[in-house]
C-alpha atoms as a PDB file:
ATOM      1  CA  MET A   1     115.700 168.389 115.406  1.00  0.00           C
ATOM      2  CA  ILE A   2     118.268 165.908 114.045  1.00  0.00           C
ATOM      3  CA  LEU A   3     121.016 168.550 113.858  1.00  0.00           C
ATOM      4  CA  THR A   4     120.222 169.742 117.387  1.00  0.00           C
ATOM      5  CA  THR A   5     120.376 166.168 118.701  1.00  0.00           C
ATOM      6  CA  ILE A   6     123.713 165.499 117.013  1.00  0.00           C
ATOM      7  CA  LEU A   7     125.222 168.763 118.275  1.00  0.00           C
ATOM      8  CA  PHE A   8     123.857 168.153 121.782  1.00  0.00           C
ATOM      9  CA  ILE A   9     125.489 164.708 121.913  1.00  0.00           C
ATOM     10  CA  LEU A  10     128.756 166.080 120.511  1.00  0.00           C
ATOM     11  CA  ILE A  11     128.863 168.915 123.067  1.00  0.00           C
ATOM     12  CA  LEU A  12     128.091 166.566 125.931  1.00  0.00           C
ATOM     13  CA  GLY A  13     130.709 164.110 124.708  1.00  0.00           C
ATOM     14  CA  LEU A  14     133.302 166.856 124.320  1.00  0.00           C
ATOM     15  CA  PHE A  15     132.745 168.144 127.850  1.00  0.00           C
ATOM     16  CA  VAL A  16     132.901 164.668 129.375  1.00  0.00           C
ATOM     17  CA  PHE A  17     136.010 163.689 127.426  1.00  0.00           C
ATOM     18  CA  VAL A  18     137.903 166.905 128.179  1.00  0.00           C
ATOM     19  CA  HIS A  19     136.958 166.825 131.873  1.00  0.00           C
ATOM     20  CA  GLU A  20     137.935 163.200 132.427  1.00  0.00           C
ATOM     21  CA  LEU A  21     141.052 163.636 130.284  1.00  0.00           C
ATOM     22  CA  GLY A  22     142.135 166.266 132.797  1.00  0.00           C
ATOM     23  CA  HIS A  23     141.854 163.793 135.695  1.00  0.00           C
ATOM     24  CA  PHE A  24     143.566 161.101 133.613  1.00  0.00           C
ATOM     25  CA  LEU A  25     146.555 163.210 132.533  1.00  0.00           C
ATOM     26  CA  ALA A  26     147.001 164.650 136.028  1.00  0.00           C
ATOM     27  CA  ALA A  27     146.938 161.175 137.591  1.00  0.00           C
ATOM     28  CA  LYS A  28     149.412 159.798 135.045  1.00  0.00           C
ATOM     29  CA  SER A  29     151.760 162.765 135.455  1.00  0.00           C
ATOM     30  CA  CYS A  30     151.765 162.277 139.239  1.00  0.00           C
ATOM     31  CA  GLY A  31     152.581 158.563 139.011  1.00  0.00           C
ATOM     32  CA  ILE A  32     149.141 157.302 140.071  1.00  0.00           C
ATOM     33  CA  LYS A  33     148.074 153.966 138.606  1.00  0.00           C
ATOM     34  CA  VAL A  34     144.968 154.453 136.466  1.00  0.00           C
ATOM     35  CA  LEU A  35     142.909 151.265 136.227  1.00  0.00           C
ATOM     36  CA  GLU A  36     140.255 152.536 133.798  1.00  0.00           C
ATOM     37  CA  PHE A  37     139.498 155.589 131.667  1.00  0.00           C
ATOM     38  CA  ALA A  38     135.811 155.437 130.741  1.00  0.00           C
ATOM     39  CA  PHE A  39     133.586 157.577 128.576  1.00  0.00           C
ATOM     40  CA  GLY A  40     129.943 157.296 129.644  1.00  0.00           C
ATOM     41  CA  PHE A  41     128.386 155.029 132.238  1.00  0.00           C
ATOM     42  CA  PRO A  42     127.735 151.252 131.884  1.00  0.00           C
ATOM     43  CA  PRO A  43     126.594 149.064 130.212  1.00  0.00           C
ATOM     44  CA  ARG A  44     129.840 148.782 128.337  1.00  0.00           C
ATOM     45  CA  ILE A  45     129.964 148.968 124.539  1.00  0.00           C
ATOM     46  CA  TRP A  46     133.697 148.662 123.891  1.00  0.00           C
ATOM     47  CA  SER A  47     136.891 148.316 125.887  1.00  0.00           C
ATOM     48  CA  LYS A  48     140.576 147.753 125.261  1.00  0.00           C
ATOM     49  CA  LYS A  49     143.406 147.370 127.742  1.00  0.00           C
ATOM     50  CA  ARG A  50     146.621 149.123 126.897  1.00  0.00           C
ATOM     51  CA  GLY A  51     149.399 148.870 129.417  1.00  0.00           C
ATOM     52  CA  GLU A  52     147.974 149.050 132.924  1.00  0.00           C
ATOM     53  CA  THR A  53     144.873 151.031 131.913  1.00  0.00           C
ATOM     54  CA  GLU A  54     141.625 149.793 130.419  1.00  0.00           C
ATOM     55  CA  TYR A  55     139.972 152.258 128.025  1.00  0.00           C
ATOM     56  CA  SER A  56     136.221 151.851 127.629  1.00  0.00           C
ATOM     57  CA  ILE A  57     133.195 153.420 125.956  1.00  0.00           C
ATOM     58  CA  ASN A  58     129.867 152.946 127.710  1.00  0.00           C
ATOM     59  CA  ALA A  59     126.269 153.252 126.561  1.00  0.00           C
ATOM     60  CA  ILE A  60     125.059 156.174 128.708  1.00  0.00           C
ATOM     61  CA  PRO A  61     126.900 159.312 127.489  1.00  0.00           C
ATOM     62  CA  ILE A  62     125.999 161.595 130.390  1.00  0.00           C
ATOM     63  CA  GLY A  63     129.325 161.360 132.157  1.00  0.00           C
ATOM     64  CA  GLY A  64     132.498 159.392 132.498  1.00  0.00           C
ATOM     65  CA  TYR A  65     135.081 158.438 135.061  1.00  0.00           C
ATOM     66  CA  VAL A  66     138.742 157.747 135.720  1.00  0.00           C
ATOM     67  CA  LYS A  67     139.193 154.789 138.060  1.00  0.00           C
ATOM     68  CA  MET A  68     142.420 155.099 140.030  1.00  0.00           C
ATOM     69  CA  LEU A  69     144.050 152.596 142.346  1.00  0.00           C
ATOM     70  CA  GLY A  70     143.246 153.448 145.954  1.00  0.00           C
ATOM     71  CA  GLU A  71     140.571 156.005 145.125  1.00  0.00           C
ATOM     72  CA  ALA A  72     137.568 154.025 146.334  1.00  0.00           C
ATOM     73  CA  ASP A  73     139.354 152.113 149.093  1.00  0.00           C
ATOM     74  CA  GLU A  74     142.589 152.235 151.038  1.00  0.00           C
ATOM     75  CA  SER A  75     145.654 150.810 149.299  1.00  0.00           C
ATOM     76  CA  LYS A  76     149.242 150.565 150.550  1.00  0.00           C
ATOM     77  CA  ASN A  77     150.609 150.583 147.006  1.00  0.00           C
ATOM     78  CA  PRO A  78     152.868 153.676 146.652  1.00  0.00           C
ATOM     79  CA  ARG A  79     151.266 154.354 143.258  1.00  0.00           C
ATOM     80  CA  SER A  80     147.744 154.463 144.680  1.00  0.00           C
ATOM     81  CA  PHE A  81     145.714 157.654 144.907  1.00  0.00           C
ATOM     82  CA  SER A  82     145.284 157.256 148.667  1.00  0.00           C
ATOM     83  CA  GLN A  83     149.054 157.158 149.277  1.00  0.00           C
ATOM     84  CA  LYS A  84     149.794 160.410 147.495  1.00  0.00           C
ATOM     85  CA  SER A  85     150.135 163.719 149.331  1.00  0.00           C
ATOM     86  CA  PRO A  86     147.084 165.975 149.803  1.00  0.00           C
ATOM     87  CA  LEU A  87     148.623 168.447 147.349  1.00  0.00           C
ATOM     88  CA  ILE A  88     148.835 165.840 144.582  1.00  0.00           C
ATOM     89  CA  ARG A  89     145.363 164.451 145.301  1.00  0.00           C
ATOM     90  CA  GLY A  90     143.970 167.985 145.280  1.00  0.00           C
ATOM     91  CA  PHE A  91     145.595 168.681 141.920  1.00  0.00           C
ATOM     92  CA  VAL A  92     144.187 165.482 140.398  1.00  0.00           C
ATOM     93  CA  SER A  93     140.731 166.298 141.800  1.00  0.00           C
ATOM     94  CA  VAL A  94     140.544 169.749 140.186  1.00  0.00           C
ATOM     95  CA  ALA A  95     142.320 168.827 136.923  1.00  0.00           C
ATOM     96  CA  GLY A  96     138.989 168.221 135.155  1.00  0.00           C
ATOM     97  CA  VAL A  97     137.772 171.691 136.123  1.00  0.00           C
ATOM     98  CA  ILE A  98     141.026 173.203 134.850  1.00  0.00           C
ATOM     99  CA  MET A  99     140.601 171.402 131.516  1.00  0.00           C
ATOM    100  CA  ASN A 100     137.044 172.717 131.084  1.00  0.00           C
ATOM    101  CA  LEU A 101     138.299 176.256 131.674  1.00  0.00           C
ATOM    102  CA  LEU A 102     141.158 175.692 129.223  1.00  0.00           C
ATOM    103  CA  LEU A 103     138.674 174.462 126.608  1.00  0.00           C
ATOM    104  CA  ALA A 104     136.630 177.667 126.976  1.00  0.00           C
ATOM    105  CA  TRP A 105     139.807 179.763 126.830  1.00  0.00           C
ATOM    106  CA  LEU A 106     140.952 178.010 123.622  1.00  0.00           C
ATOM    107  CA  ILE A 107     137.548 178.461 121.945  1.00  0.00           C
ATOM    108  CA  LEU A 108     137.443 182.158 122.799  1.00  0.00           C
ATOM    109  CA  ALA A 109     141.066 182.697 121.751  1.00  0.00           C
ATOM    110  CA  ILE A 110     140.325 181.232 118.325  1.00  0.00           C
ATOM    111  CA  GLY A 111     137.083 183.202 118.171  1.00  0.00           C
ATOM    112  CA  PHE A 112     138.755 186.540 118.869  1.00  0.00           C
ATOM    113  CA  ALA A 113     141.442 185.785 116.279  1.00  0.00           C
ATOM    114  CA  VAL A 114     138.768 185.183 113.622  1.00  0.00           C
ATOM    115  CA  GLY A 115     136.290 187.770 114.902  1.00  0.00           C
ATOM    116  CA  ILE A 116     133.697 187.222 117.613  1.00  0.00           C
ATOM    117  CA  SER A 117     131.363 189.205 119.858  1.00  0.00           C
ATOM    118  CA  PRO A 118     132.550 189.616 123.475  1.00  0.00           C
ATOM    119  CA  ILE A 119     130.321 187.736 125.880  1.00  0.00           C
ATOM    120  CA  VAL A 120     130.581 189.998 128.928  1.00  0.00           C
ATOM    121  CA  SER A 121     133.167 192.662 128.081  1.00  0.00           C
ATOM    122  CA  SER A 122     132.456 195.935 126.324  1.00  0.00           C
ATOM    123  CA  PRO A 123     133.752 195.872 122.720  1.00  0.00           C
ATOM    124  CA  ASP A 124     135.501 199.192 123.369  1.00  0.00           C
ATOM    125  CA  SER A 125     137.557 197.608 126.167  1.00  0.00           C
ATOM    126  CA  ILE A 126     139.071 194.995 123.852  1.00  0.00           C
ATOM    127  CA  PRO A 127     142.319 195.808 121.997  1.00  0.00           C
ATOM    128  CA  GLY A 128     141.096 194.919 118.536  1.00  0.00           C
ATOM    129  CA  LYS A 129     139.171 196.096 115.511  1.00  0.00           C
ATOM    130  CA  ILE A 130     135.370 196.177 115.417  1.00  0.00           C
ATOM    131  CA  VAL A 131     134.659 194.538 112.063  1.00  0.00           C
ATOM    132  CA  SER A 132     130.863 194.713 112.268  1.00  0.00           C
ATOM    133  CA  SER A 133     128.141 195.885 114.591  1.00  0.00           C
ATOM    134  CA  SER A 134     124.447 195.067 114.888  1.00  0.00           C
ATOM    135  CA  VAL A 135     121.574 195.986 117.178  1.00  0.00           C
ATOM    136  CA  ILE A 136     119.763 193.092 118.864  1.00  0.00           C
ATOM    137  CA  ALA A 137     116.380 193.321 120.581  1.00  0.00           C
ATOM    138  CA  THR A 138     116.687 191.875 124.075  1.00  0.00           C
ATOM    139  CA  GLU A 139     113.318 192.755 125.606  1.00  0.00           C
ATOM    140  CA  ILE A 140     109.936 193.622 124.126  1.00  0.00           C
ATOM    141  CA  GLU A 141     107.480 195.628 126.221  1.00  0.00           C
ATOM    142  CA  ASN A 142     103.893 194.366 126.463  1.00  0.00           C
ATOM    143  CA  ASP A 143     101.465 196.139 124.105  1.00  0.00           C
ATOM    144  CA  SER A 144     104.369 198.031 122.575  1.00  0.00           C
ATOM    145  CA  PRO A 145     104.553 198.961 118.870  1.00  0.00           C
ATOM    146  CA  ALA A 146     107.295 196.379 118.420  1.00  0.00           C
ATOM    147  CA  LYS A 147     105.150 193.655 120.029  1.00  0.00           C
ATOM    148  CA  LYS A 148     102.182 194.502 117.807  1.00  0.00           C
ATOM    149  CA  ALA A 149     104.431 194.440 114.726  1.00  0.00           C
ATOM    150  CA  GLY A 150     105.685 190.928 115.535  1.00  0.00           C
ATOM    151  CA  ILE A 151     109.234 191.845 116.548  1.00  0.00           C
ATOM    152  CA  SER A 152     110.662 189.398 119.114  1.00  0.00           C
ATOM    153  CA  ALA A 153     113.593 189.289 121.519  1.00  0.00           C
ATOM    154  CA  GLY A 154     116.672 188.069 119.651  1.00  0.00           C
ATOM    155  CA  ASP A 155     115.780 189.781 116.378  1.00  0.00           C
ATOM    156  CA  GLU A 156     118.457 191.904 114.755  1.00  0.00           C
ATOM    157  CA  LEU A 157     117.052 195.335 113.982  1.00  0.00           C
ATOM    158  CA  ILE A 158     118.568 196.271 110.615  1.00  0.00           C
ATOM    159  CA  SER A 159     117.076 199.553 109.420  1.00  0.00           C
ATOM    160  CA  GLY A 160     114.135 201.928 109.476  1.00  0.00           C
ATOM    161  CA  GLN A 161     112.453 204.134 106.910  1.00  0.00           C
ATOM    162  CA  SER A 162     109.763 206.770 106.902  1.00  0.00           C
ATOM    163  CA  VAL A 163     107.720 207.586 103.806  1.00  0.00           C
ATOM    164  CA  GLY A 164     109.665 209.821 101.431  1.00  0.00           C
ATOM    165  CA  GLU A 165     112.914 209.528 103.398  1.00  0.00           C
ATOM    166  CA  ALA A 166     116.102 207.576 102.934  1.00  0.00           C
ATOM    167  CA  ILE A 167     116.664 204.253 104.711  1.00  0.00           C
ATOM    168  CA  VAL A 168     118.476 204.629 108.046  1.00  0.00           C
ATOM    169  CA  SER A 169     120.764 201.715 108.949  1.00  0.00           C
ATOM    170  CA  PHE A 170     120.851 200.826 112.642  1.00  0.00           C
ATOM    171  CA  SER A 171     124.609 200.566 113.007  1.00  0.00           C
ATOM    172  CA  SER A 172     124.368 201.345 116.724  1.00  0.00           C
ATOM    173  CA  SER A 173     121.764 201.571 119.475  1.00  0.00           C
ATOM    174  CA  ALA A 174     122.127 205.373 119.354  1.00  0.00           C
ATOM    175  CA  THR A 175     121.123 205.344 115.681  1.00  0.00           C
ATOM    176  CA  LEU A 176     118.003 203.323 116.495  1.00  0.00           C
ATOM    177  CA  VAL A 177     117.033 205.542 119.442  1.00  0.00           C
ATOM    178  CA  ASN A 178     117.519 208.689 117.380  1.00  0.00           C
ATOM    179  CA  PHE A 179     115.402 207.311 114.516  1.00  0.00           C
ATOM    180  CA  THR A 180     112.492 206.223 116.727  1.00  0.00           C
ATOM    181  CA  LYS A 181     112.403 209.466 118.724  1.00  0.00           C
ATOM    182  CA  THR A 182     112.644 211.583 115.574  1.00  0.00           C
ATOM    183  CA  HIS A 183     109.684 209.715 114.052  1.00  0.00           C
ATOM    184  CA  ALA A 184     107.589 209.285 117.225  1.00  0.00           C
ATOM    185  CA  GLY A 185     103.881 209.308 116.432  1.00  0.00           C
ATOM    186  CA  LYS A 186     104.428 208.210 112.842  1.00  0.00           C
ATOM    187  CA  ASP A 187     104.181 205.031 110.783  1.00  0.00           C
ATOM    188  CA  VAL A 188     107.616 203.705 109.820  1.00  0.00           C
ATOM    189  CA  GLY A 189     109.000 200.586 108.218  1.00  0.00           C
ATOM    190  CA  ILE A 190     111.361 198.440 110.306  1.00  0.00           C
ATOM    191  CA  SER A 191     113.521 195.711 108.768  1.00  0.00           C
ATOM    192  CA  TYR A 192     114.742 192.924 111.043  1.00  0.00           C
ATOM    193  CA  ASN A 193     116.640 189.655 110.772  1.00  0.00           C
ATOM    194  CA  ARG A 194     115.372 186.534 112.518  1.00  0.00           C
ATOM    195  CA  GLY A 195     117.406 183.382 112.042  1.00  0.00           C
ATOM    196  CA  GLY A 196     118.808 184.563 108.720  1.00  0.00           C
ATOM    197  CA  LYS A 197     115.425 185.606 107.310  1.00  0.00           C
ATOM    198  CA  ILE A 198     114.904 189.321 106.609  1.00  0.00           C
ATOM    199  CA  SER A 199     111.399 190.623 107.376  1.00  0.00           C
ATOM    200  CA  ASN A 200     109.758 194.034 107.099  1.00  0.00           C
ATOM    201  CA  ALA A 201     107.130 195.415 109.454  1.00  0.00           C
ATOM    202  CA  THR A 202     105.084 198.590 109.474  1.00  0.00           C
ATOM    203  CA  VAL A 203     105.182 200.089 112.958  1.00  0.00           C
ATOM    204  CA  TYR A 204     103.289 202.999 114.457  1.00  0.00           C
ATOM    205  CA  LEU A 205     105.781 204.543 116.891  1.00  0.00           C
ATOM    206  CA  SER A 206     104.300 205.722 120.161  1.00  0.00           C
ATOM    207  CA  ALA A 207     104.212 209.484 120.581  1.00  0.00           C
ATOM    208  CA  ASN A 208     103.936 209.409 124.374  1.00  0.00           C
ATOM    209  CA  SER A 209     106.834 207.241 125.415  1.00  0.00           C
ATOM    210  CA  ALA A 210     110.532 207.523 126.176  1.00  0.00           C
ATOM    211  CA  ALA A 211     110.940 204.416 124.018  1.00  0.00           C
ATOM    212  CA  PRO A 212     108.644 204.866 120.989  1.00  0.00           C
ATOM    213  CA  LEU A 213     109.386 201.378 119.631  1.00  0.00           C
ATOM    214  CA  GLY A 214     109.157 199.680 123.040  1.00  0.00           C
ATOM    215  CA  VAL A 215     112.262 197.518 122.885  1.00  0.00           C
ATOM    216  CA  GLY A 216     115.386 197.021 124.934  1.00  0.00           C
ATOM    217  CA  VAL A 217     118.484 196.526 122.792  1.00  0.00           C
ATOM    218  CA  ILE A 218     122.176 195.697 122.952  1.00  0.00           C
ATOM    219  CA  GLU A 219     124.925 196.344 120.454  1.00  0.00           C
ATOM    220  CA  ASN A 220     126.416 193.115 119.143  1.00  0.00           C
ATOM    221  CA  SER A 221     129.864 194.104 117.896  1.00  0.00           C
ATOM    222  CA  VAL A 222     132.188 191.551 116.307  1.00  0.00           C
ATOM    223  CA  VAL A 223     135.761 192.233 117.391  1.00  0.00           C
ATOM    224  CA  GLN A 224     138.891 190.851 115.737  1.00  0.00           C
ATOM    225  CA  VAL A 225     142.001 190.810 117.905  1.00  0.00           C
ATOM    226  CA  PRO A 226     145.660 190.516 116.756  1.00  0.00           C
ATOM    227  CA  TRP A 227     146.763 186.881 117.176  1.00  0.00           C
ATOM    228  CA  TYR A 228     149.442 187.715 119.758  1.00  0.00           C
ATOM    229  CA  LEU A 229     146.835 189.331 122.041  1.00  0.00           C
ATOM    230  CA  THR A 230     144.128 186.661 121.746  1.00  0.00           C
ATOM    231  CA  PRO A 231     145.421 184.509 124.657  1.00  0.00           C
ATOM    232  CA  ILE A 232     145.295 187.510 127.001  1.00  0.00           C
ATOM    233  CA  VAL A 233     141.925 188.784 125.783  1.00  0.00           C
ATOM    234  CA  ALA A 234     140.400 185.278 125.967  1.00  0.00           C
ATOM    235  CA  PHE A 235     141.791 184.748 129.483  1.00  0.00           C
ATOM    236  CA  ARG A 236     140.324 188.052 130.624  1.00  0.00           C
ATOM    237  CA  GLU A 237     136.938 187.099 129.151  1.00  0.00           C
ATOM    238  CA  VAL A 238     137.000 183.702 130.888  1.00  0.00           C
ATOM    239  CA  VAL A 239     137.733 185.373 134.235  1.00  0.00           C
ATOM    240  CA  LYS A 240     134.785 187.756 133.789  1.00  0.00           C
ATOM    241  CA  ILE A 241     132.440 184.899 132.819  1.00  0.00           C
ATOM    242  CA  VAL A 242     133.576 182.989 135.927  1.00  0.00           C
ATOM    243  CA  GLU A 243     132.740 186.059 138.049  1.00  0.00           C
ATOM    244  CA  VAL A 244     129.245 186.243 136.508  1.00  0.00           C
ATOM    245  CA  ASN A 245     128.710 182.517 137.142  1.00  0.00           C
ATOM    246  CA  LEU A 246     129.847 182.769 140.767  1.00  0.00           C
ATOM    247  CA  SER A 247     127.505 185.709 141.338  1.00  0.00           C
ATOM    248  CA  PHE A 248     124.594 183.741 139.846  1.00  0.00           C
ATOM    249  CA  ILE A 249     125.374 180.636 141.930  1.00  0.00           C
ATOM    250  CA  GLY A 250     125.553 182.752 145.086  1.00  0.00           C
ATOM    251  CA  LYS A 251     122.096 184.206 144.364  1.00  0.00           C
ATOM    252  CA  PHE A 252     120.819 180.705 143.519  1.00  0.00           C
ATOM    253  CA  PHE A 253     121.773 179.318 146.943  1.00  0.00           C
ATOM    254  CA  VAL A 254     120.433 182.383 148.751  1.00  0.00           C
ATOM    255  CA  GLN A 255     117.065 181.903 147.014  1.00  0.00           C
ATOM    256  CA  LEU A 256     117.130 178.125 147.528  1.00  0.00           C
ATOM    257  CA  PHE A 257     117.733 178.302 151.280  1.00  0.00           C
ATOM    258  CA  SER A 258     115.636 181.412 151.939  1.00  0.00           C
ATOM    259  CA  SER A 259     112.500 180.490 149.970  1.00  0.00           C
ATOM    260  CA  GLY A 260     113.041 176.837 149.046  1.00  0.00           C
ATOM    261  CA  SER A 261     112.521 177.650 145.388  1.00  0.00           C
ATOM    262  CA  VAL A 262     114.772 177.189 142.371  1.00  0.00           C
ATOM    263  CA  SER A 263     115.423 180.180 140.126  1.00  0.00           C
ATOM    264  CA  LYS A 264     113.621 180.057 136.793  1.00  0.00           C
ATOM    265  CA  ASP A 265     116.978 180.803 135.164  1.00  0.00           C
ATOM    266  CA  VAL A 266     118.319 177.388 136.193  1.00  0.00           C
ATOM    267  CA  GLY A 267     118.022 174.844 133.385  1.00  0.00           C
ATOM    268  CA  GLY A 268     118.819 171.188 132.932  1.00  0.00           C
ATOM    269  CA  PRO A 269     119.558 168.900 129.982  1.00  0.00           C
ATOM    270  CA  VAL A 270     116.303 169.772 128.189  1.00  0.00           C
ATOM    271  CA  ALA A 271     117.040 173.505 128.393  1.00  0.00           C
ATOM    272  CA  ILE A 272     120.585 172.926 127.147  1.00  0.00           C
ATOM    273  CA  TYR A 273     119.186 170.864 124.268  1.00  0.00           C
ATOM    274  CA  VAL A 274     116.775 173.661 123.302  1.00  0.00           C
ATOM    275  CA  TYR A 275     119.419 176.375 123.517  1.00  0.00           C
ATOM    276  CA  THR A 276     121.854 174.217 121.541  1.00  0.00           C
ATOM    277  CA  GLY A 277     119.431 174.337 118.624  1.00  0.00           C
ATOM    278  CA  LEU A 278     118.932 178.088 118.974  1.00  0.00           C
ATOM    279  CA  ALA A 279     122.683 178.726 119.143  1.00  0.00           C
ATOM    280  CA  ALA A 280     123.292 176.567 116.073  1.00  0.00           C
ATOM    281  CA  LYS A 281     120.708 178.549 114.098  1.00  0.00           C
ATOM    282  CA  ALA A 282     122.389 181.818 115.138  1.00  0.00           C
ATOM    283  CA  GLY A 283     125.663 180.883 113.445  1.00  0.00           C
ATOM    284  CA  VAL A 284     129.010 179.229 114.066  1.00  0.00           C
ATOM    285  CA  MET A 285     130.457 181.961 116.282  1.00  0.00           C
ATOM    286  CA  VAL A 286     127.381 182.163 118.508  1.00  0.00           C
ATOM    287  CA  PHE A 287     127.445 178.368 118.811  1.00  0.00           C
ATOM    288  CA  LEU A 288     131.126 178.454 119.842  1.00  0.00           C
ATOM    289  CA  GLN A 289     130.312 181.120 122.433  1.00  0.00           C
ATOM    290  CA  PHE A 290     127.548 178.876 123.742  1.00  0.00           C
ATOM    291  CA  VAL A 291     129.981 175.950 124.060  1.00  0.00           C
ATOM    292  CA  ALA A 292     132.514 178.149 125.888  1.00  0.00           C
ATOM    293  CA  ILE A 293     129.870 179.411 128.331  1.00  0.00           C
ATOM    294  CA  LEU A 294     128.658 175.866 129.034  1.00  0.00           C
ATOM    295  CA  SER A 295     132.211 174.618 129.566  1.00  0.00           C
ATOM    296  CA  ILE A 296     132.870 177.365 132.117  1.00  0.00           C
ATOM    297  CA  GLY A 297     129.516 176.674 133.780  1.00  0.00           C
ATOM    298  CA  LEU A 298     130.374 172.980 134.081  1.00  0.00           C
ATOM    299  CA  ALA A 299     133.732 173.867 135.645  1.00  0.00           C
ATOM    300  CA  ILE A 300     132.129 176.175 138.202  1.00  0.00           C
ATOM    301  CA  ILE A 301     129.452 173.644 139.144  1.00  0.00           C
ATOM    302  CA  ASN A 302     132.048 170.890 139.573  1.00  0.00           C
ATOM    303  CA  ILE A 303     134.164 172.962 141.942  1.00  0.00           C
ATOM    304  CA  ILE A 304     131.243 173.538 144.353  1.00  0.00           C
ATOM    305  CA  PRO A 305     132.182 171.838 147.668  1.00  0.00           C
ATOM    306  CA  PHE A 306     129.363 169.291 147.535  1.00  0.00           C
ATOM    307  CA  PRO A 307     129.792 165.503 147.855  1.00  0.00           C
ATOM    308  CA  ALA A 308     130.239 163.638 144.533  1.00  0.00           C
ATOM    309  CA  LEU A 309     131.534 166.777 142.814  1.00  0.00           C
ATOM    310  CA  ASP A 310     135.225 167.531 142.354  1.00  0.00           C
ATOM    311  CA  GLY A 311     134.858 170.374 144.842  1.00  0.00           C
ATOM    312  CA  GLY A 312     133.471 167.964 147.431  1.00  0.00           C
ATOM    313  CA  ARG A 313     136.485 165.692 147.071  1.00  0.00           C
ATOM    314  CA  LEU A 314     138.767 168.699 147.292  1.00  0.00           C
ATOM    315  CA  LEU A 315     137.010 169.807 150.500  1.00  0.00           C
ATOM    316  CA  PHE A 316     137.816 166.510 152.237  1.00  0.00           C
ATOM    317  CA  ILE A 317     141.442 166.803 151.101  1.00  0.00           C
ATOM    318  CA  ILE A 318     141.678 170.368 152.460  1.00  0.00           C
ATOM    319  CA  LEU A 319     140.205 169.222 155.802  1.00  0.00           C
ATOM    320  CA  GLU A 320     142.781 166.428 155.902  1.00  0.00           C
ATOM    321  CA  LYS A 321     145.538 168.979 155.316  1.00  0.00           C
ATOM    322  CA  ILE A 322     144.203 171.249 158.079  1.00  0.00           C
ATOM    323  CA  PHE A 323     143.772 168.490 160.695  1.00  0.00           C
ATOM    324  CA  ARG A 324     146.825 166.540 159.445  1.00  0.00           C
ATOM    325  CA  ARG A 325     144.817 163.344 159.259  1.00  0.00           C
ATOM    326  CA  LYS A 326     141.848 161.981 157.341  1.00  0.00           C
ATOM    327  CA  VAL A 327     138.643 163.271 158.900  1.00  0.00           C
ATOM    328  CA  LEU A 328     136.722 160.294 157.485  1.00  0.00           C
ATOM    329  CA  THR A 329     137.650 156.789 156.425  1.00  0.00           C
ATOM    330  CA  GLU A 330     137.603 156.014 152.692  1.00  0.00           C
ATOM    331  CA  ARG A 331     134.432 153.961 153.193  1.00  0.00           C
ATOM    332  CA  VAL A 332     132.518 156.727 155.012  1.00  0.00           C
ATOM    333  CA  GLU A 333     133.704 159.386 152.557  1.00  0.00           C
ATOM    334  CA  ASN A 334     132.468 157.260 149.648  1.00  0.00           C
ATOM    335  CA  ILE A 335     129.071 156.974 151.358  1.00  0.00           C
ATOM    336  CA  PHE A 336     128.925 160.783 151.466  1.00  0.00           C
ATOM    337  CA  HIS A 337     129.802 160.960 147.770  1.00  0.00           C
ATOM    338  CA  ASN A 338     127.162 158.353 146.871  1.00  0.00           C
ATOM    339  CA  VAL A 339     124.499 160.233 148.810  1.00  0.00           C
ATOM    340  CA  GLY A 340     125.610 163.463 147.150  1.00  0.00           C
ATOM    341  CA  PHE A 341     125.384 161.842 143.728  1.00  0.00           C
ATOM    342  CA  ALA A 342     121.839 160.655 144.486  1.00  0.00           C
ATOM    343  CA  LEU A 343     120.826 164.176 145.553  1.00  0.00           C
ATOM    344  CA  ILE A 344     122.334 165.625 142.363  1.00  0.00           C
ATOM    345  CA  LEU A 345     120.341 163.139 140.292  1.00  0.00           C
ATOM    346  CA  LEU A 346     117.179 164.079 142.199  1.00  0.00           C
ATOM    347  CA  PHE A 347     117.802 167.789 141.602  1.00  0.00           C
ATOM    348  CA  ALA A 348     118.491 167.104 137.916  1.00  0.00           C
ATOM    349  CA  ALA A 349     115.212 165.180 137.675  1.00  0.00           C
ATOM    350  CA  VAL A 350     113.259 168.084 139.212  1.00  0.00           C
ATOM    351  CA  VAL A 351     114.886 170.643 136.878  1.00  0.00           C
ATOM    352  CA  THR A 352     114.357 168.348 133.884  1.00  0.00           C
ATOM    353  CA  TYR A 353     110.655 167.969 134.725  1.00  0.00           C
ATOM    354  CA  ARG A 354     110.311 171.751 134.900  1.00  0.00           C
ATOM    355  CA  ASP A 355     112.160 172.113 131.571  1.00  0.00           C
ATOM    356  CA  VAL A 356     109.818 169.597 129.932  1.00  0.00           C
ATOM    357  CA  VAL A 357     106.820 171.563 131.178  1.00  0.00           C
ATOM    358  CA  ASN A 358     108.235 174.921 130.039  1.00  0.00           C
ATOM    359  CA  PHE A 359     109.772 173.926 126.704  1.00  0.00           C
ATOM    360  CA  ILE A 360     107.622 171.037 125.491  1.00  0.00           C
ATOM    361  CA  ILE A 361     104.212 170.859 127.173  1.00  0.00           C
ATOM    362  CA  LYS A 362     103.610 174.642 127.162  1.00  0.00           C
ATOM    363  CA  LYS A 363     105.096 175.072 123.695  1.00  0.00           C
END
């Protein structure tokens, strides 16, 4: 519990810092006057002014902000955000998203250099060496032999043995399938790893099934890539994860507007907290993968063209570029962003309530 809480706060802080650092560096590089660079939301804990910018740490670590001159209201100062070209303002608006993607890319590049499992790519498609391979149970059928033996989704299936025979290591899913079909209708011993603890179970394999053990599995292969190829491999993996996220978000909105319901796969802070603990227990590399996936997810969510998000601000800038004038005054646009922020908070509250019910009350 304590470790999960610490890691959760560190992850959240890392995402906020990296995201806002992107806005800050982009604004500074474009000559925009930055009034404040804040981590968290008020009340304020600490602040220090250095040059023209005040740096502050606030008590509520669920976000942060970069306050720029002319961002909230019109300013005639040539260094204000409002006086810069749409191209520059668009760049500053999406710089946080770019930084979150770069963070994921860096994590995956380091991971592939050391040895890590691909998140969405096939291990065979990666130009590297498979240093280890394991078989992970992803789905357990109801009333299946695996279910009755206590095997759960997420367990690593290590080996199997029949009486009087040698132990068969499950180095691949094909090895597992061959073992279970060969011994269908018999009692066998199955060894599995759950959270670092090795357990043994006696399983009666079904004789009348295409899947005698009753599990769905994936091969979890750790791939090590030559250092000079890791930037390319990591970039390719980030692109594929972005594609998966965009597909999921598209389905989410279709379901939301067609049925008015929110997909059960959508989670909030409570779900992230729970999965942070699970990822930490699974090992350093799995935890780093989890951080990379979250960072990409945060980037994708922020680029959605909805008020209060970076994508919403970018949308108004694009409309200004198309119509060659501001479609809304700064005051009216800020009202839109404030309303959008309130709706986001409301949605987060609904998702959090559902997470509490699913992960805590029903636990």
